Amino acid sequence: MLGYKSPKEWADIKDPVGECVEKASQKALIMTYRNAMENLAGGCVDVEWKKKGGGKIKTKVILVPFLFEGHLFALHFLY
């Protein structure tokens, strides 16, 4: 979707929000994530992503918090 060739290439990004999310979408994405993790409440937010080779893509992101073996995770669904 964003032009990365492998999971490792994506994992090597030092600041995924700064490098992959348009500035105008960053605060809303972070606040939705924080609310999901701190309040165990799912959320949905519009996010505009930056592609690796240039260009942008608009999506909606649904965040769903869940506990597994004592660890809190957030599933991210993009559409």
PDB file of N, CA and C in Angstrom:
ATOM      1  N   MET A   1       0.817  -1.193   0.000  1.00  0.00           N
ATOM      2  CA  MET A   1       0.000   0.000   0.000  1.00  0.00           C
ATOM      3  C   MET A   1       0.863   1.260   0.000  1.00  0.00           C
ATOM      4  N   LEU A   2       1.912   1.255   0.810  1.00  0.00           N
ATOM      5  CA  LEU A   2       2.748   2.450   0.909  1.00  0.00           C
ATOM      6  C   LEU A   2       4.067   2.339   0.155  1.00  0.00           C
ATOM      7  N   GLY A   3       4.326   1.199  -0.481  1.00  0.00           N
ATOM      8  CA  GLY A   3       5.505   1.058  -1.312  1.00  0.00           C
ATOM      9  C   GLY A   3       6.711   0.421  -0.658  1.00  0.00           C
ATOM     10  N   TYR A   4       6.554  -0.149   0.531  1.00  0.00           N
ATOM     11  CA  TYR A   4       7.669  -0.841   1.174  1.00  0.00           C
ATOM     12  C   TYR A   4       7.706  -2.273   0.664  1.00  0.00           C
ATOM     13  N   LYS A   5       8.900  -2.790   0.411  1.00  0.00           N
ATOM     14  CA  LYS A   5       9.047  -4.080  -0.253  1.00  0.00           C
ATOM     15  C   LYS A   5       9.001  -5.277   0.687  1.00  0.00           C
ATOM     16  N   SER A   6       9.169  -5.042   1.979  1.00  0.00           N
ATOM     17  CA  SER A   6       9.183  -6.168   2.912  1.00  0.00           C
ATOM     18  C   SER A   6       8.782  -5.682   4.306  1.00  0.00           C
ATOM     19  N   PRO A   7       8.360  -6.597   5.169  1.00  0.00           N
ATOM     20  CA  PRO A   7       8.085  -6.227   6.552  1.00  0.00           C
ATOM     21  C   PRO A   7       9.322  -5.659   7.247  1.00  0.00           C
ATOM     22  N   LYS A   8      10.502  -6.188   6.914  1.00  0.00           N
ATOM     23  CA  LYS A   8      11.730  -5.681   7.519  1.00  0.00           C
ATOM     24  C   LYS A   8      11.966  -4.224   7.145  1.00  0.00           C
ATOM     25  N   GLU A   9      11.738  -3.888   5.883  1.00  0.00           N
ATOM     26  CA  GLU A   9      11.923  -2.505   5.449  1.00  0.00           C
ATOM     27  C   GLU A   9      10.995  -1.579   6.242  1.00  0.00           C
ATOM     28  N   TRP A  10       9.755  -2.017   6.456  1.00  0.00           N
ATOM     29  CA  TRP A  10       8.797  -1.240   7.240  1.00  0.00           C
ATOM     30  C   TRP A  10       9.263  -1.159   8.700  1.00  0.00           C
ATOM     31  N   ALA A  11       9.732  -2.291   9.265  1.00  0.00           N
ATOM     32  CA  ALA A  11      10.159  -2.342  10.661  1.00  0.00           C
ATOM     33  C   ALA A  11      11.384  -1.476  10.930  1.00  0.00           C
ATOM     34  N   ASP A  12      12.186  -1.224   9.907  1.00  0.00           N
ATOM     35  CA  ASP A  12      13.397  -0.421  10.072  1.00  0.00           C
ATOM     36  C   ASP A  12      13.125   1.086  10.141  1.00  0.00           C
ATOM     37  N   ILE A  13      11.891   1.506   9.927  1.00  0.00           N
ATOM     38  CA  ILE A  13      11.562   2.929   9.996  1.00  0.00           C
ATOM     39  C   ILE A  13      11.678   3.386  11.441  1.00  0.00           C
ATOM     40  N   LYS A  14      12.446   4.416  11.681  1.00  0.00           N
ATOM     41  CA  LYS A  14      12.688   4.906  13.039  1.00  0.00           C
ATOM     42  C   LYS A  14      11.478   5.645  13.612  1.00  0.00           C
ATOM     43  N   ASP A  15      10.762   6.406  12.792  1.00  0.00           N
ATOM     44  CA  ASP A  15       9.612   7.197  13.228  1.00  0.00           C
ATOM     45  C   ASP A  15       8.456   6.959  12.252  1.00  0.00           C
ATOM     46  N   PRO A  16       7.723   5.848  12.412  1.00  0.00           N
ATOM     47  CA  PRO A  16       6.684   5.516  11.439  1.00  0.00           C
ATOM     48  C   PRO A  16       5.611   6.595  11.287  1.00  0.00           C
ATOM     49  N   VAL A  17       5.201   7.210  12.376  1.00  0.00           N
ATOM     50  CA  VAL A  17       4.178   8.248  12.269  1.00  0.00           C
ATOM     51  C   VAL A  17       4.730   9.450  11.515  1.00  0.00           C
ATOM     52  N   GLY A  18       5.914   9.888  11.867  1.00  0.00           N
ATOM     53  CA  GLY A  18       6.515  11.047  11.215  1.00  0.00           C
ATOM     54  C   GLY A  18       6.827  10.815   9.745  1.00  0.00           C
ATOM     55  N   GLU A  19       7.269   9.607   9.414  1.00  0.00           N
ATOM     56  CA  GLU A  19       7.662   9.314   8.034  1.00  0.00           C
ATOM     57  C   GLU A  19       6.505   8.873   7.145  1.00  0.00           C
ATOM     58  N   CYS A  20       5.476   8.266   7.731  1.00  0.00           N
ATOM     59  CA  CYS A  20       4.438   7.637   6.912  1.00  0.00           C
ATOM     60  C   CYS A  20       3.066   8.287   7.001  1.00  0.00           C
ATOM     61  N   VAL A  21       2.862   9.181   7.961  1.00  0.00           N
ATOM     62  CA  VAL A  21       1.551   9.811   8.139  1.00  0.00           C
ATOM     63  C   VAL A  21       1.678  11.303   7.865  1.00  0.00           C
ATOM     64  N   GLU A  22       0.773  11.823   7.034  1.00  0.00           N
ATOM     65  CA  GLU A  22       0.764  13.253   6.749  1.00  0.00           C
ATOM     66  C   GLU A  22       0.603  14.042   8.050  1.00  0.00           C
ATOM     67  N   LYS A  23       1.277  15.162   8.142  1.00  0.00           N
ATOM     68  CA  LYS A  23       1.273  16.002   9.348  1.00  0.00           C
ATOM     69  C   LYS A  23      -0.153  16.275   9.841  1.00  0.00           C
ATOM     70  N   ALA A  24      -1.070  16.589   8.923  1.00  0.00           N
ATOM     71  CA  ALA A  24      -2.443  16.922   9.304  1.00  0.00           C
ATOM     72  C   ALA A  24      -3.191  15.748   9.940  1.00  0.00           C
ATOM     73  N   SER A  25      -2.737  14.516   9.732  1.00  0.00           N
ATOM     74  CA  SER A  25      -3.400  13.325  10.281  1.00  0.00           C
ATOM     75  C   SER A  25      -2.738  12.800  11.550  1.00  0.00           C
ATOM     76  N   GLN A  26      -1.543  13.253  11.849  1.00  0.00           N
ATOM     77  CA  GLN A  26      -0.768  12.662  12.935  1.00  0.00           C
ATOM     78  C   GLN A  26      -1.443  12.783  14.298  1.00  0.00           C
ATOM     79  N   LYS A  27      -1.892  13.966  14.660  1.00  0.00           N
ATOM     80  CA  LYS A  27      -2.471  14.168  15.991  1.00  0.00           C
ATOM     81  C   LYS A  27      -3.718  13.308  16.179  1.00  0.00           C
ATOM     82  N   ALA A  28      -4.596  13.283  15.183  1.00  0.00           N
ATOM     83  CA  ALA A  28      -5.832  12.496  15.298  1.00  0.00           C
ATOM     84  C   ALA A  28      -5.522  11.009  15.435  1.00  0.00           C
ATOM     85  N   LEU A  29      -4.551  10.504  14.679  1.00  0.00           N
ATOM     86  CA  LEU A  29      -4.185   9.096  14.773  1.00  0.00           C
ATOM     87  C   LEU A  29      -3.614   8.775  16.153  1.00  0.00           C
ATOM     88  N   ILE A  30      -2.733   9.605  16.638  1.00  0.00           N
ATOM     89  CA  ILE A  30      -2.119   9.383  17.948  1.00  0.00           C
ATOM     90  C   ILE A  30      -3.163   9.444  19.059  1.00  0.00           C
ATOM     91  N   MET A  31      -4.060  10.419  19.003  1.00  0.00           N
ATOM     92  CA  MET A  31      -5.087  10.550  20.037  1.00  0.00           C
ATOM     93  C   MET A  31      -6.055   9.361  20.011  1.00  0.00           C
ATOM     94  N   THR A  32      -6.404   8.884  18.825  1.00  0.00           N
ATOM     95  CA  THR A  32      -7.290   7.724  18.719  1.00  0.00           C
ATOM     96  C   THR A  32      -6.605   6.476  19.273  1.00  0.00           C
ATOM     97  N   TYR A  33      -5.324   6.327  18.967  1.00  0.00           N
ATOM     98  CA  TYR A  33      -4.548   5.196  19.498  1.00  0.00           C
ATOM     99  C   TYR A  33      -4.469   5.279  21.028  1.00  0.00           C
ATOM    100  N   ARG A  34      -4.141   6.445  21.541  1.00  0.00           N
ATOM    101  CA  ARG A  34      -4.025   6.599  22.996  1.00  0.00           C
ATOM    102  C   ARG A  34      -5.339   6.288  23.690  1.00  0.00           C
ATOM    103  N   ASN A  35      -6.440   6.785  23.127  1.00  0.00           N
ATOM    104  CA  ASN A  35      -7.742   6.517  23.722  1.00  0.00           C
ATOM    105  C   ASN A  35      -8.044   5.022  23.710  1.00  0.00           C
ATOM    106  N   ALA A  36      -7.721   4.362  22.609  1.00  0.00           N
ATOM    107  CA  ALA A  36      -7.950   2.923  22.520  1.00  0.00           C
ATOM    108  C   ALA A  36      -7.150   2.178  23.587  1.00  0.00           C
ATOM    109  N   MET A  37      -5.905   2.537  23.758  1.00  0.00           N
ATOM    110  CA  MET A  37      -5.038   1.809  24.687  1.00  0.00           C
ATOM    111  C   MET A  37      -5.320   2.167  26.153  1.00  0.00           C
ATOM    112  N   GLU A  38      -5.585   3.432  26.428  1.00  0.00           N
ATOM    113  CA  GLU A  38      -5.784   3.858  27.811  1.00  0.00           C
ATOM    114  C   GLU A  38      -7.183   3.545  28.334  1.00  0.00           C
ATOM    115  N   ASN A  39      -8.177   3.563  27.451  1.00  0.00           N
ATOM    116  CA  ASN A  39      -9.562   3.383  27.878  1.00  0.00           C
ATOM    117  C   ASN A  39     -10.188   2.094  27.361  1.00  0.00           C
ATOM    118  N   LEU A  40      -9.392   1.279  26.682  1.00  0.00           N
ATOM    119  CA  LEU A  40      -9.887   0.038  26.081  1.00  0.00           C
ATOM    120  C   LEU A  40     -11.148   0.302  25.259  1.00  0.00           C
ATOM    121  N   ALA A  41     -11.071   1.365  24.453  1.00  0.00           N
ATOM    122  CA  ALA A  41     -12.196   1.775  23.620  1.00  0.00           C
ATOM    123  C   ALA A  41     -11.746   1.826  22.168  1.00  0.00           C
ATOM    124  N   GLY A  42     -12.424   1.112  21.302  1.00  0.00           N
ATOM    125  CA  GLY A  42     -12.106   1.160  19.885  1.00  0.00           C
ATOM    126  C   GLY A  42     -12.407   2.534  19.311  1.00  0.00           C
ATOM    127  N   GLY A  43     -11.811   2.827  18.183  1.00  0.00           N
ATOM    128  CA  GLY A  43     -12.043   4.110  17.542  1.00  0.00           C
ATOM    129  C   GLY A  43     -11.788   4.035  16.048  1.00  0.00           C
ATOM    130  N   CYS A  44     -12.236   5.064  15.351  1.00  0.00           N
ATOM    131  CA  CYS A  44     -12.054   5.160  13.909  1.00  0.00           C
ATOM    132  C   CYS A  44     -11.591   6.578  13.587  1.00  0.00           C
ATOM    133  N   VAL A  45     -10.636   6.690  12.666  1.00  0.00           N
ATOM    134  CA  VAL A  45     -10.081   8.001  12.330  1.00  0.00           C
ATOM    135  C   VAL A  45      -9.695   8.023  10.845  1.00  0.00           C
ATOM    136  N   ASP A  46      -9.867   9.168  10.206  1.00  0.00           N
ATOM    137  CA  ASP A  46      -9.391   9.366   8.834  1.00  0.00           C
ATOM    138  C   ASP A  46      -7.897   9.653   8.882  1.00  0.00           C
ATOM    139  N   VAL A  47      -7.130   8.953   8.051  1.00  0.00           N
ATOM    140  CA  VAL A  47      -5.672   9.138   8.028  1.00  0.00           C
ATOM    141  C   VAL A  47      -5.204   9.253   6.581  1.00  0.00           C
ATOM    142  N   GLU A  48      -4.352  10.239   6.333  1.00  0.00           N
ATOM    143  CA  GLU A  48      -3.709  10.359   5.029  1.00  0.00           C
ATOM    144  C   GLU A  48      -2.250   9.935   5.195  1.00  0.00           C
ATOM    145  N   TRP A  49      -1.870   8.915   4.423  1.00  0.00           N
ATOM    146  CA  TRP A  49      -0.544   8.319   4.504  1.00  0.00           C
ATOM    147  C   TRP A  49       0.355   8.865   3.407  1.00  0.00           C
ATOM    148  N   LYS A  50       1.664   8.887   3.689  1.00  0.00           N
ATOM    149  CA  LYS A  50       2.666   9.253   2.689  1.00  0.00           C
ATOM    150  C   LYS A  50       3.266   7.975   2.125  1.00  0.00           C
ATOM    151  N   LYS A  51       3.256   7.839   0.809  1.00  0.00           N
ATOM    152  CA  LYS A  51       3.869   6.688   0.174  1.00  0.00           C
ATOM    153  C   LYS A  51       5.383   6.865   0.127  1.00  0.00           C
ATOM    154  N   LYS A  52       6.100   5.760   0.153  1.00  0.00           N
ATOM    155  CA  LYS A  52       7.561   5.789   0.148  1.00  0.00           C
ATOM    156  C   LYS A  52       8.115   6.545  -1.059  1.00  0.00           C
ATOM    157  N   GLY A  53       7.574   6.295  -2.226  1.00  0.00           N
ATOM    158  CA  GLY A  53       8.079   6.917  -3.445  1.00  0.00           C
ATOM    159  C   GLY A  53       7.422   8.248  -3.787  1.00  0.00           C
ATOM    160  N   GLY A  54       6.674   8.817  -2.856  1.00  0.00           N
ATOM    161  CA  GLY A  54       5.934  10.042  -3.109  1.00  0.00           C
ATOM    162  C   GLY A  54       4.461   9.727  -3.291  1.00  0.00           C
ATOM    163  N   GLY A  55       3.651  10.707  -3.180  1.00  0.00           N
ATOM    164  CA  GLY A  55       2.220  10.514  -3.288  1.00  0.00           C
ATOM    165  C   GLY A  55       1.601  10.242  -1.930  1.00  0.00           C
ATOM    166  N   LYS A  56       0.273  10.234  -1.924  1.00  0.00           N
ATOM    167  CA  LYS A  56      -0.477  10.078  -0.685  1.00  0.00           C
ATOM    168  C   LYS A  56      -1.642   9.124  -0.922  1.00  0.00           C
ATOM    169  N   ILE A  57      -2.136   8.557   0.163  1.00  0.00           N
ATOM    170  CA  ILE A  57      -3.309   7.697   0.096  1.00  0.00           C
ATOM    171  C   ILE A  57      -4.174   7.979   1.325  1.00  0.00           C
ATOM    172  N   LYS A  58      -5.465   8.176   1.095  1.00  0.00           N
ATOM    173  CA  LYS A  58      -6.404   8.444   2.185  1.00  0.00           C
ATOM    174  C   LYS A  58      -7.081   7.143   2.596  1.00  0.00           C
ATOM    175  N   THR A  59      -7.172   6.925   3.908  1.00  0.00           N
ATOM    176  CA  THR A  59      -7.831   5.735   4.449  1.00  0.00           C
ATOM    177  C   THR A  59      -8.624   6.112   5.686  1.00  0.00           C
ATOM    178  N   LYS A  60      -9.400   5.176   6.140  1.00  0.00           N
ATOM    179  CA  LYS A  60      -9.965   5.214   7.477  1.00  0.00           C
ATOM    180  C   LYS A  60      -9.228   4.117   8.236  1.00  0.00           C
ATOM    181  N   VAL A  61      -8.921   4.390   9.502  1.00  0.00           N
ATOM    182  CA  VAL A  61      -8.243   3.403  10.347  1.00  0.00           C
ATOM    183  C   VAL A  61      -9.148   3.113  11.537  1.00  0.00           C
ATOM    184  N   ILE A  62      -9.458   1.844  11.716  1.00  0.00           N
ATOM    185  CA  ILE A  62     -10.193   1.397  12.896  1.00  0.00           C
ATOM    186  C   ILE A  62      -9.168   0.779  13.840  1.00  0.00           C
ATOM    187  N   LEU A  63      -9.160   1.247  15.079  1.00  0.00           N
ATOM    188  CA  LEU A  63      -8.263   0.715  16.105  1.00  0.00           C
ATOM    189  C   LEU A  63      -9.088  -0.080  17.110  1.00  0.00           C
ATOM    190  N   VAL A  64      -8.666  -1.303  17.375  1.00  0.00           N
ATOM    191  CA  VAL A  64      -9.380  -2.173  18.311  1.00  0.00           C
ATOM    192  C   VAL A  64      -8.386  -2.690  19.345  1.00  0.00           C
ATOM    193  N   PRO A  65      -8.536  -2.271  20.605  1.00  0.00           N
ATOM    194  CA  PRO A  65      -7.630  -2.763  21.640  1.00  0.00           C
ATOM    195  C   PRO A  65      -8.038  -4.174  22.081  1.00  0.00           C
ATOM    196  N   PHE A  66      -7.037  -4.990  22.430  1.00  0.00           N
ATOM    197  CA  PHE A  66      -7.351  -6.303  22.999  1.00  0.00           C
ATOM    198  C   PHE A  66      -6.190  -6.779  23.861  1.00  0.00           C
ATOM    199  N   LEU A  67      -6.535  -7.574  24.857  1.00  0.00           N
ATOM    200  CA  LEU A  67      -5.553  -8.163  25.763  1.00  0.00           C
ATOM    201  C   LEU A  67      -5.289  -9.595  25.352  1.00  0.00           C
ATOM    202  N   PHE A  68      -4.009  -9.972  25.368  1.00  0.00           N
ATOM    203  CA  PHE A  68      -3.618 -11.343  25.077  1.00  0.00           C
ATOM    204  C   PHE A  68      -2.481 -11.710  26.008  1.00  0.00           C
ATOM    205  N   GLU A  69      -2.722 -12.705  26.841  1.00  0.00           N
ATOM    206  CA  GLU A  69      -1.726 -13.182  27.802  1.00  0.00           C
ATOM    207  C   GLU A  69      -1.089 -12.040  28.584  1.00  0.00           C
ATOM    208  N   GLY A  70      -1.922 -11.117  29.025  1.00  0.00           N
ATOM    209  CA  GLY A  70      -1.465 -10.015  29.855  1.00  0.00           C
ATOM    210  C   GLY A  70      -0.842  -8.852  29.113  1.00  0.00           C
ATOM    211  N   HIS A  71      -0.831  -8.892  27.806  1.00  0.00           N
ATOM    212  CA  HIS A  71      -0.263  -7.806  27.000  1.00  0.00           C
ATOM    213  C   HIS A  71      -1.380  -7.102  26.245  1.00  0.00           C
ATOM    214  N   LEU A  72      -1.311  -5.786  26.186  1.00  0.00           N
ATOM    215  CA  LEU A  72      -2.305  -4.993  25.481  1.00  0.00           C
ATOM    216  C   LEU A  72      -1.816  -4.689  24.065  1.00  0.00           C
ATOM    217  N   PHE A  73      -2.643  -4.989  23.084  1.00  0.00           N
ATOM    218  CA  PHE A  73      -2.333  -4.738  21.680  1.00  0.00           C
ATOM    219  C   PHE A  73      -3.434  -3.885  21.069  1.00  0.00           C
ATOM    220  N   ALA A  74      -3.157  -3.306  19.922  1.00  0.00           N
ATOM    221  CA  ALA A  74      -4.188  -2.601  19.154  1.00  0.00           C
ATOM    222  C   ALA A  74      -4.159  -3.126  17.725  1.00  0.00           C
ATOM    223  N   LEU A  75      -5.262  -3.737  17.322  1.00  0.00           N
ATOM    224  CA  LEU A  75      -5.401  -4.137  15.917  1.00  0.00           C
ATOM    225  C   LEU A  75      -5.727  -2.895  15.121  1.00  0.00           C
ATOM    226  N   HIS A  76      -5.131  -2.789  13.932  1.00  0.00           N
ATOM    227  CA  HIS A  76      -5.384  -1.664  13.045  1.00  0.00           C
ATOM    228  C   HIS A  76      -5.995  -2.214  11.751  1.00  0.00           C
ATOM    229  N   PHE A  77      -7.182  -1.760  11.447  1.00  0.00           N
ATOM    230  CA  PHE A  77      -7.839  -2.115  10.184  1.00  0.00           C
ATOM    231  C   PHE A  77      -7.877  -0.871   9.322  1.00  0.00           C
ATOM    232  N   LEU A  78      -7.395  -0.969   8.100  1.00  0.00           N
ATOM    233  CA  LEU A  78      -7.402   0.169   7.170  1.00  0.00           C
ATOM    234  C   LEU A  78      -8.329  -0.127   6.018  1.00  0.00           C
ATOM    235  N   TYR A  79      -9.109   0.873   5.650  1.00  0.00           N
ATOM    236  CA  TYR A  79      -9.943   0.752   4.463  1.00  0.00           C
ATOM    237  C   TYR A  79     -10.130   2.101   3.832  1.00  0.00           C
TER     238      TYR A  79
END
